[in-house]
Amino acid sequence: MSAPAAWTVAAAPLAAALLALVATYATGFDQRAAMPPDVANRFYGFFLDRYPLFAFVLVYGLARILVATLAPGRAGMVRRLIGAILGLALMAGASLHPTFGGLILRAGFGTGSGAFLNGTPMAIAYALGAAAGAGVFGFAMGLGVTLTGRPGRSAPRGRWRALGRGLVGMLAAFLALWLGAALIGAARDLGLGPWPRRPLDGRDLTLAAGLITAAALPHVLLVGLRLRPGRSGVTG
């Protein structure tokens, strides 16, 4: 994959998340918009109110899987399509079942609040919660990407070295997502307004776009570096 193509693949999910944010602002979409009751009950509630930017993080994760489906590789198109359907279903399920936030936000909130109630200082409890949420999100997104079919690899020489690089890459991806989760989870505390209870205004749009970009950028850079010419594989 050429360098421009690698960086396009890496940056596309962030672009999709920001476009979703701009569309939300431009249309004035909020929870007063007409939606089927079952859909509204699934989306609106504590987790969307407390962690509203996760809606755009979900777009990032889904777009990451879709982009991986279209990236060059040896897997046939049928394999890619089946893998993409499974991967998207996994990402959506982890994010939306039983309601908005799914296992991802529940893992983070449960871990952080449980640690705090057991006497852990707030900062450490928050970091633990962010790590738990990032771990579940990274697992769902990474497995979704893997299901789409990895690009071809070179001959299996230096197997242990390759394994070591893979483990380092997974750790780096987790740390990047951990930082991103900490930023996204702090949106309310940093001054983001009460969307979706009311539409986004210009100040909220600017703050949300900055937080989403700052949260996703480390992961975007890791993916771009991994996909550079001469490198193989896809990172979650």
C-alpha atoms as a PDB file:
ATOM      1  CA  MET A   1       0.000   0.000   0.000  1.00  0.00           C
ATOM      2  CA  SER A   2       1.407   3.391  -0.978  1.00  0.00           C
ATOM      3  CA  ALA A   3       2.052   5.992   1.696  1.00  0.00           C
ATOM      4  CA  PRO A   4      -0.823   8.294   0.596  1.00  0.00           C
ATOM      5  CA  ALA A   5      -3.220   5.344   0.525  1.00  0.00           C
ATOM      6  CA  ALA A   6      -2.044   4.207   3.966  1.00  0.00           C
ATOM      7  CA  TRP A   7      -2.700   7.604   5.524  1.00  0.00           C
ATOM      8  CA  THR A   8      -6.059   7.854   3.741  1.00  0.00           C
ATOM      9  CA  VAL A   9      -7.117   4.508   5.201  1.00  0.00           C
ATOM     10  CA  ALA A  10      -5.900   5.568   8.643  1.00  0.00           C
ATOM     11  CA  ALA A  11      -7.604   8.977   8.615  1.00  0.00           C
ATOM     12  CA  ALA A  12     -10.913   7.973   7.015  1.00  0.00           C
ATOM     13  CA  PRO A  13     -12.585   6.782  10.267  1.00  0.00           C
ATOM     14  CA  LEU A  14     -11.765  10.064  12.004  1.00  0.00           C
ATOM     15  CA  ALA A  15     -13.139  11.961   9.017  1.00  0.00           C
ATOM     16  CA  ALA A  16     -16.344   9.886   9.223  1.00  0.00           C
ATOM     17  CA  ALA A  17     -16.743  10.670  12.938  1.00  0.00           C
ATOM     18  CA  LEU A  18     -16.248  14.391  12.341  1.00  0.00           C
ATOM     19  CA  LEU A  19     -18.694  14.368   9.427  1.00  0.00           C
ATOM     20  CA  ALA A  20     -21.277  12.701  11.670  1.00  0.00           C
ATOM     21  CA  LEU A  21     -20.678  15.443  14.243  1.00  0.00           C
ATOM     22  CA  VAL A  22     -21.073  18.206  11.656  1.00  0.00           C
ATOM     23  CA  ALA A  23     -24.243  16.569  10.308  1.00  0.00           C
ATOM     24  CA  THR A  24     -25.666  16.445  13.840  1.00  0.00           C
ATOM     25  CA  TYR A  25     -24.942  20.148  14.258  1.00  0.00           C
ATOM     26  CA  ALA A  26     -26.218  21.161  10.802  1.00  0.00           C
ATOM     27  CA  THR A  27     -29.513  19.309  11.158  1.00  0.00           C
ATOM     28  CA  GLY A  28     -30.104  20.370  14.762  1.00  0.00           C
ATOM     29  CA  PHE A  29     -30.637  16.743  15.680  1.00  0.00           C
ATOM     30  CA  ASP A  30     -31.407  16.083  19.332  1.00  0.00           C
ATOM     31  CA  GLN A  31     -33.607  13.762  21.379  1.00  0.00           C
ATOM     32  CA  ARG A  32     -36.724  15.709  20.428  1.00  0.00           C
ATOM     33  CA  ALA A  33     -36.405  14.397  16.847  1.00  0.00           C
ATOM     34  CA  ALA A  34     -39.123  11.940  15.890  1.00  0.00           C
ATOM     35  CA  MET A  35     -37.912   8.371  16.328  1.00  0.00           C
ATOM     36  CA  PRO A  36     -39.703   5.048  16.864  1.00  0.00           C
ATOM     37  CA  PRO A  37     -40.223   4.553  20.607  1.00  0.00           C
ATOM     38  CA  ASP A  38     -38.184   1.330  20.699  1.00  0.00           C
ATOM     39  CA  VAL A  39     -35.240   3.053  19.010  1.00  0.00           C
ATOM     40  CA  ALA A  40     -35.483   6.101  21.262  1.00  0.00           C
ATOM     41  CA  ASN A  41     -35.599   3.910  24.364  1.00  0.00           C
ATOM     42  CA  ARG A  42     -32.459   2.111  23.238  1.00  0.00           C
ATOM     43  CA  PHE A  43     -30.465   5.288  22.556  1.00  0.00           C
ATOM     44  CA  TYR A  44     -31.581   7.903  25.060  1.00  0.00           C
ATOM     45  CA  GLY A  45     -30.719   7.417  28.680  1.00  0.00           C
ATOM     46  CA  PHE A  46     -27.967   7.703  31.265  1.00  0.00           C
ATOM     47  CA  PHE A  47     -25.009   6.657  29.127  1.00  0.00           C
ATOM     48  CA  LEU A  48     -25.756   8.937  26.178  1.00  0.00           C
ATOM     49  CA  ASP A  49     -26.398  11.817  28.556  1.00  0.00           C
ATOM     50  CA  ARG A  50     -23.158  11.207  30.492  1.00  0.00           C
ATOM     51  CA  TYR A  51     -20.918  10.190  27.562  1.00  0.00           C
ATOM     52  CA  PRO A  52     -22.465  11.840  24.486  1.00  0.00           C
ATOM     53  CA  LEU A  53     -19.336  11.770  22.325  1.00  0.00           C
ATOM     54  CA  PHE A  54     -19.350   7.971  22.381  1.00  0.00           C
ATOM     55  CA  ALA A  55     -21.973   8.248  19.623  1.00  0.00           C
ATOM     56  CA  PHE A  56     -19.219   9.530  17.329  1.00  0.00           C
ATOM     57  CA  VAL A  57     -16.669   7.064  18.695  1.00  0.00           C
ATOM     58  CA  LEU A  58     -19.055   4.344  17.526  1.00  0.00           C
ATOM     59  CA  VAL A  59     -18.988   5.898  14.047  1.00  0.00           C
ATOM     60  CA  TYR A  60     -15.185   5.767  14.194  1.00  0.00           C
ATOM     61  CA  GLY A  61     -15.190   2.074  15.084  1.00  0.00           C
ATOM     62  CA  LEU A  62     -17.707   1.108  12.409  1.00  0.00           C
ATOM     63  CA  ALA A  63     -15.855   3.153   9.787  1.00  0.00           C
ATOM     64  CA  ARG A  64     -12.559   1.515  10.769  1.00  0.00           C
ATOM     65  CA  ILE A  65     -14.034  -1.892   9.966  1.00  0.00           C
ATOM     66  CA  LEU A  66     -15.574  -0.697   6.695  1.00  0.00           C
ATOM     67  CA  VAL A  67     -12.305   0.894   5.555  1.00  0.00           C
ATOM     68  CA  ALA A  68     -10.385  -2.283   6.400  1.00  0.00           C
ATOM     69  CA  THR A  69     -12.835  -4.192   4.197  1.00  0.00           C
ATOM     70  CA  LEU A  70     -11.844  -2.044   1.216  1.00  0.00           C
ATOM     71  CA  ALA A  71      -8.091  -2.013   1.910  1.00  0.00           C
ATOM     72  CA  PRO A  72      -5.810  -4.053  -0.405  1.00  0.00           C
ATOM     73  CA  GLY A  73      -5.285  -7.649   0.680  1.00  0.00           C
ATOM     74  CA  ARG A  74      -5.353 -11.271  -0.408  1.00  0.00           C
ATOM     75  CA  ALA A  75      -8.714 -12.110   1.132  1.00  0.00           C
ATOM     76  CA  GLY A  76     -11.420 -12.570  -1.503  1.00  0.00           C
ATOM     77  CA  MET A  77     -14.354 -10.184  -1.714  1.00  0.00           C
ATOM     78  CA  VAL A  78     -16.835 -12.762  -0.398  1.00  0.00           C
ATOM     79  CA  ARG A  79     -14.609 -13.380   2.637  1.00  0.00           C
ATOM     80  CA  ARG A  80     -14.291  -9.640   3.164  1.00  0.00           C
ATOM     81  CA  LEU A  81     -18.027  -9.012   2.942  1.00  0.00           C
ATOM     82  CA  ILE A  82     -18.883 -11.825   5.344  1.00  0.00           C
ATOM     83  CA  GLY A  83     -16.160 -10.660   7.698  1.00  0.00           C
ATOM     84  CA  ALA A  84     -17.379  -7.063   7.459  1.00  0.00           C
ATOM     85  CA  ILE A  85     -20.958  -8.048   8.318  1.00  0.00           C
ATOM     86  CA  LEU A  86     -19.757 -10.039  11.331  1.00  0.00           C
ATOM     87  CA  GLY A  87     -17.355  -7.319  12.393  1.00  0.00           C
ATOM     88  CA  LEU A  88     -19.928  -4.531  12.121  1.00  0.00           C
ATOM     89  CA  ALA A  89     -22.454  -6.631  14.046  1.00  0.00           C
ATOM     90  CA  LEU A  90     -19.866  -7.258  16.768  1.00  0.00           C
ATOM     91  CA  MET A  91     -18.978  -3.555  17.007  1.00  0.00           C
ATOM     92  CA  ALA A  92     -22.628  -2.487  17.067  1.00  0.00           C
ATOM     93  CA  GLY A  93     -23.558  -5.142  19.604  1.00  0.00           C
ATOM     94  CA  ALA A  94     -20.715  -4.221  21.951  1.00  0.00           C
ATOM     95  CA  SER A  95     -21.751  -0.559  21.706  1.00  0.00           C
ATOM     96  CA  LEU A  96     -25.550  -0.764  21.719  1.00  0.00           C
ATOM     97  CA  HIS A  97     -26.637  -3.886  23.621  1.00  0.00           C
ATOM     98  CA  PRO A  98     -28.732  -3.845  25.705  1.00  0.00           C
ATOM     99  CA  THR A  99     -28.918  -0.051  25.239  1.00  0.00           C
ATOM    100  CA  PHE A 100     -26.591   2.762  24.135  1.00  0.00           C
ATOM    101  CA  GLY A 101     -23.085   2.254  25.478  1.00  0.00           C
ATOM    102  CA  GLY A 102     -23.392  -1.511  25.452  1.00  0.00           C
ATOM    103  CA  LEU A 103     -20.677  -3.554  27.096  1.00  0.00           C
ATOM    104  CA  ILE A 104     -18.094  -0.848  26.390  1.00  0.00           C
ATOM    105  CA  LEU A 105     -19.438   1.974  28.530  1.00  0.00           C
ATOM    106  CA  ARG A 106     -20.818  -0.418  31.117  1.00  0.00           C
ATOM    107  CA  ALA A 107     -17.403  -2.000  31.536  1.00  0.00           C
ATOM    108  CA  GLY A 108     -15.797   1.405  31.944  1.00  0.00           C
ATOM    109  CA  PHE A 109     -18.446   2.833  34.256  1.00  0.00           C
ATOM    110  CA  GLY A 110     -18.705  -0.316  36.350  1.00  0.00           C
ATOM    111  CA  THR A 111     -14.933  -0.614  36.770  1.00  0.00           C
ATOM    112  CA  GLY A 112     -14.393   3.042  37.591  1.00  0.00           C
ATOM    113  CA  SER A 113     -17.338   3.441  39.944  1.00  0.00           C
ATOM    114  CA  GLY A 114     -16.594   0.132  41.662  1.00  0.00           C
ATOM    115  CA  ALA A 115     -12.980   1.136  42.250  1.00  0.00           C
ATOM    116  CA  PHE A 116     -14.024   4.536  43.604  1.00  0.00           C
ATOM    117  CA  LEU A 117     -16.609   3.068  45.969  1.00  0.00           C
ATOM    118  CA  ASN A 118     -13.902   0.773  47.326  1.00  0.00           C
ATOM    119  CA  GLY A 119     -11.726   3.719  48.286  1.00  0.00           C
ATOM    120  CA  THR A 120      -9.602   4.211  45.179  1.00  0.00           C
ATOM    121  CA  PRO A 121      -8.787   7.888  44.528  1.00  0.00           C
ATOM    122  CA  MET A 122     -10.999   9.422  41.852  1.00  0.00           C
ATOM    123  CA  ALA A 123      -8.195   9.986  39.341  1.00  0.00           C
ATOM    124  CA  ILE A 124      -7.026   6.367  39.541  1.00  0.00           C
ATOM    125  CA  ALA A 125     -10.597   5.034  39.457  1.00  0.00           C
ATOM    126  CA  TYR A 126     -11.296   7.134  36.353  1.00  0.00           C
ATOM    127  CA  ALA A 127      -8.135   5.833  34.687  1.00  0.00           C
ATOM    128  CA  LEU A 128      -9.143   2.249  35.470  1.00  0.00           C
ATOM    129  CA  GLY A 129     -12.617   2.826  34.021  1.00  0.00           C
ATOM    130  CA  ALA A 130     -11.162   4.389  30.880  1.00  0.00           C
ATOM    131  CA  ALA A 131      -8.813   1.416  30.510  1.00  0.00           C
ATOM    132  CA  ALA A 132     -11.678  -1.077  30.827  1.00  0.00           C
ATOM    133  CA  GLY A 133     -13.815   0.734  28.260  1.00  0.00           C
ATOM    134  CA  ALA A 134     -10.869   1.122  25.889  1.00  0.00           C
ATOM    135  CA  GLY A 135     -10.052  -2.575  26.220  1.00  0.00           C
ATOM    136  CA  VAL A 136     -13.546  -3.729  25.247  1.00  0.00           C
ATOM    137  CA  PHE A 137     -13.764  -1.189  22.422  1.00  0.00           C
ATOM    138  CA  GLY A 138     -10.316  -2.115  21.103  1.00  0.00           C
ATOM    139  CA  PHE A 139     -11.116  -5.828  21.230  1.00  0.00           C
ATOM    140  CA  ALA A 140     -14.390  -5.394  19.320  1.00  0.00           C
ATOM    141  CA  MET A 141     -12.873  -3.091  16.706  1.00  0.00           C
ATOM    142  CA  GLY A 142      -9.668  -5.102  16.336  1.00  0.00           C
ATOM    143  CA  LEU A 143     -11.527  -8.384  15.948  1.00  0.00           C
ATOM    144  CA  GLY A 144     -13.873  -6.728  13.459  1.00  0.00           C
ATOM    145  CA  VAL A 145     -10.897  -5.582  11.395  1.00  0.00           C
ATOM    146  CA  THR A 146      -9.316  -9.035  11.581  1.00  0.00           C
ATOM    147  CA  LEU A 147     -12.522 -10.688  10.359  1.00  0.00           C
ATOM    148  CA  THR A 148     -12.374  -8.675   7.142  1.00  0.00           C
ATOM    149  CA  GLY A 149      -9.150 -10.468   6.173  1.00  0.00           C
ATOM    150  CA  ARG A 150      -5.618  -9.252   6.735  1.00  0.00           C
ATOM    151  CA  PRO A 151      -3.342  -8.244   3.861  1.00  0.00           C
ATOM    152  CA  GLY A 152      -0.795 -10.772   2.709  1.00  0.00           C
ATOM    153  CA  ARG A 153       2.263 -11.304   4.873  1.00  0.00           C
ATOM    154  CA  SER A 154       5.802 -12.082   3.876  1.00  0.00           C
ATOM    155  CA  ALA A 155       7.426 -15.477   4.370  1.00  0.00           C
ATOM    156  CA  PRO A 156       7.256 -16.714   7.977  1.00  0.00           C
ATOM    157  CA  ARG A 157      10.881 -15.965   8.882  1.00  0.00           C
ATOM    158  CA  GLY A 158      11.731 -14.156  12.074  1.00  0.00           C
ATOM    159  CA  ARG A 159       8.545 -15.507  13.641  1.00  0.00           C
ATOM    160  CA  TRP A 160       9.456 -14.526  17.202  1.00  0.00           C
ATOM    161  CA  ARG A 161      10.496 -11.071  16.106  1.00  0.00           C
ATOM    162  CA  ALA A 162       7.200 -10.669  14.283  1.00  0.00           C
ATOM    163  CA  LEU A 163       5.338 -11.862  17.371  1.00  0.00           C
ATOM    164  CA  GLY A 164       7.186  -9.317  19.477  1.00  0.00           C
ATOM    165  CA  ARG A 165       6.324  -6.527  17.053  1.00  0.00           C
ATOM    166  CA  GLY A 166       2.702  -7.631  17.112  1.00  0.00           C
ATOM    167  CA  LEU A 167       2.545  -7.536  20.900  1.00  0.00           C
ATOM    168  CA  VAL A 168       4.177  -4.114  20.993  1.00  0.00           C
ATOM    169  CA  GLY A 169       1.698  -2.907  18.377  1.00  0.00           C
ATOM    170  CA  MET A 170      -1.250  -4.207  20.410  1.00  0.00           C
ATOM    171  CA  LEU A 171       0.049  -2.490  23.540  1.00  0.00           C
ATOM    172  CA  ALA A 172       0.559   0.772  21.659  1.00  0.00           C
ATOM    173  CA  ALA A 173      -2.958   0.580  20.223  1.00  0.00           C
ATOM    174  CA  PHE A 174      -4.410  -0.061  23.679  1.00  0.00           C
ATOM    175  CA  LEU A 175      -2.542   2.906  25.165  1.00  0.00           C
ATOM    176  CA  ALA A 176      -3.752   5.128  22.318  1.00  0.00           C
ATOM    177  CA  LEU A 177      -7.354   4.030  22.858  1.00  0.00           C
ATOM    178  CA  TRP A 178      -6.971   4.415  26.631  1.00  0.00           C
ATOM    179  CA  LEU A 179      -5.933   8.041  26.191  1.00  0.00           C
ATOM    180  CA  GLY A 180      -8.813   8.557  23.775  1.00  0.00           C
ATOM    181  CA  ALA A 181     -11.311   7.040  26.211  1.00  0.00           C
ATOM    182  CA  ALA A 182     -10.107   9.323  28.995  1.00  0.00           C
ATOM    183  CA  LEU A 183     -10.623  12.401  26.799  1.00  0.00           C
ATOM    184  CA  ILE A 184     -14.027  11.337  25.501  1.00  0.00           C
ATOM    185  CA  GLY A 185     -15.262  10.438  28.972  1.00  0.00           C
ATOM    186  CA  ALA A 186     -14.320  13.880  30.306  1.00  0.00           C
ATOM    187  CA  ALA A 187     -16.331  15.822  27.707  1.00  0.00           C
ATOM    188  CA  ARG A 188     -19.018  16.932  30.156  1.00  0.00           C
ATOM    189  CA  ASP A 189     -16.447  17.980  32.750  1.00  0.00           C
ATOM    190  CA  LEU A 190     -14.582  19.961  30.090  1.00  0.00           C
ATOM    191  CA  GLY A 191     -17.689  21.998  29.293  1.00  0.00           C
ATOM    192  CA  LEU A 192     -19.617  20.172  26.568  1.00  0.00           C
ATOM    193  CA  GLY A 193     -23.250  21.282  26.631  1.00  0.00           C
ATOM    194  CA  PRO A 194     -26.255  19.068  27.261  1.00  0.00           C
ATOM    195  CA  TRP A 195     -26.621  17.480  23.815  1.00  0.00           C
ATOM    196  CA  PRO A 196     -28.715  15.452  23.041  1.00  0.00           C
ATOM    197  CA  ARG A 197     -31.195  17.201  25.342  1.00  0.00           C
ATOM    198  CA  ARG A 198     -30.816  20.220  23.081  1.00  0.00           C
ATOM    199  CA  PRO A 199     -29.097  20.768  19.706  1.00  0.00           C
ATOM    200  CA  LEU A 200     -25.370  21.360  19.490  1.00  0.00           C
ATOM    201  CA  ASP A 201     -24.352  25.018  19.286  1.00  0.00           C
ATOM    202  CA  GLY A 202     -21.199  26.432  17.744  1.00  0.00           C
ATOM    203  CA  ARG A 203     -19.207  26.250  20.980  1.00  0.00           C
ATOM    204  CA  ASP A 204     -20.220  22.630  21.548  1.00  0.00           C
ATOM    205  CA  LEU A 205     -19.323  21.776  17.952  1.00  0.00           C
ATOM    206  CA  THR A 206     -15.835  23.245  18.310  1.00  0.00           C
ATOM    207  CA  LEU A 207     -15.190  21.553  21.647  1.00  0.00           C
ATOM    208  CA  ALA A 208     -16.557  18.199  20.476  1.00  0.00           C
ATOM    209  CA  ALA A 209     -14.535  18.292  17.241  1.00  0.00           C
ATOM    210  CA  GLY A 210     -11.366  19.082  19.188  1.00  0.00           C
ATOM    211  CA  LEU A 211     -11.922  16.292  21.691  1.00  0.00           C
ATOM    212  CA  ILE A 212     -12.789  13.707  19.036  1.00  0.00           C
ATOM    213  CA  THR A 213      -9.715  14.646  16.999  1.00  0.00           C
ATOM    214  CA  ALA A 214      -7.396  14.614  20.015  1.00  0.00           C
ATOM    215  CA  ALA A 215      -8.846  11.297  21.193  1.00  0.00           C
ATOM    216  CA  ALA A 216      -8.550   9.552  17.822  1.00  0.00           C
ATOM    217  CA  LEU A 217      -5.288  11.035  16.534  1.00  0.00           C
ATOM    218  CA  PRO A 218      -2.870   8.693  18.374  1.00  0.00           C
ATOM    219  CA  HIS A 219      -4.713   5.659  17.021  1.00  0.00           C
ATOM    220  CA  VAL A 220      -4.882   7.181  13.532  1.00  0.00           C
ATOM    221  CA  LEU A 221      -1.111   7.695  13.583  1.00  0.00           C
ATOM    222  CA  LEU A 222      -0.505   4.121  14.713  1.00  0.00           C
ATOM    223  CA  VAL A 223      -2.668   2.716  11.926  1.00  0.00           C
ATOM    224  CA  GLY A 224      -0.985   4.947   9.330  1.00  0.00           C
ATOM    225  CA  LEU A 225       2.494   3.932  10.471  1.00  0.00           C
ATOM    226  CA  ARG A 226       1.525   0.252  10.432  1.00  0.00           C
ATOM    227  CA  LEU A 227       0.191   0.493   6.877  1.00  0.00           C
ATOM    228  CA  ARG A 228       3.214   2.281   5.436  1.00  0.00           C
ATOM    229  CA  PRO A 229       4.979   0.716   2.432  1.00  0.00           C
ATOM    230  CA  GLY A 230       7.147  -2.159   3.578  1.00  0.00           C
ATOM    231  CA  ARG A 231       4.972  -2.928   6.590  1.00  0.00           C
ATOM    232  CA  SER A 232       2.357  -5.676   6.723  1.00  0.00           C
ATOM    233  CA  GLY A 233      -0.830  -6.271   8.621  1.00  0.00           C
ATOM    234  CA  VAL A 234      -3.604  -4.157   9.983  1.00  0.00           C
ATOM    235  CA  THR A 235      -3.853  -2.884  13.508  1.00  0.00           C
ATOM    236  CA  GLY A 236      -7.162  -2.435  15.291  1.00  0.00           C
END
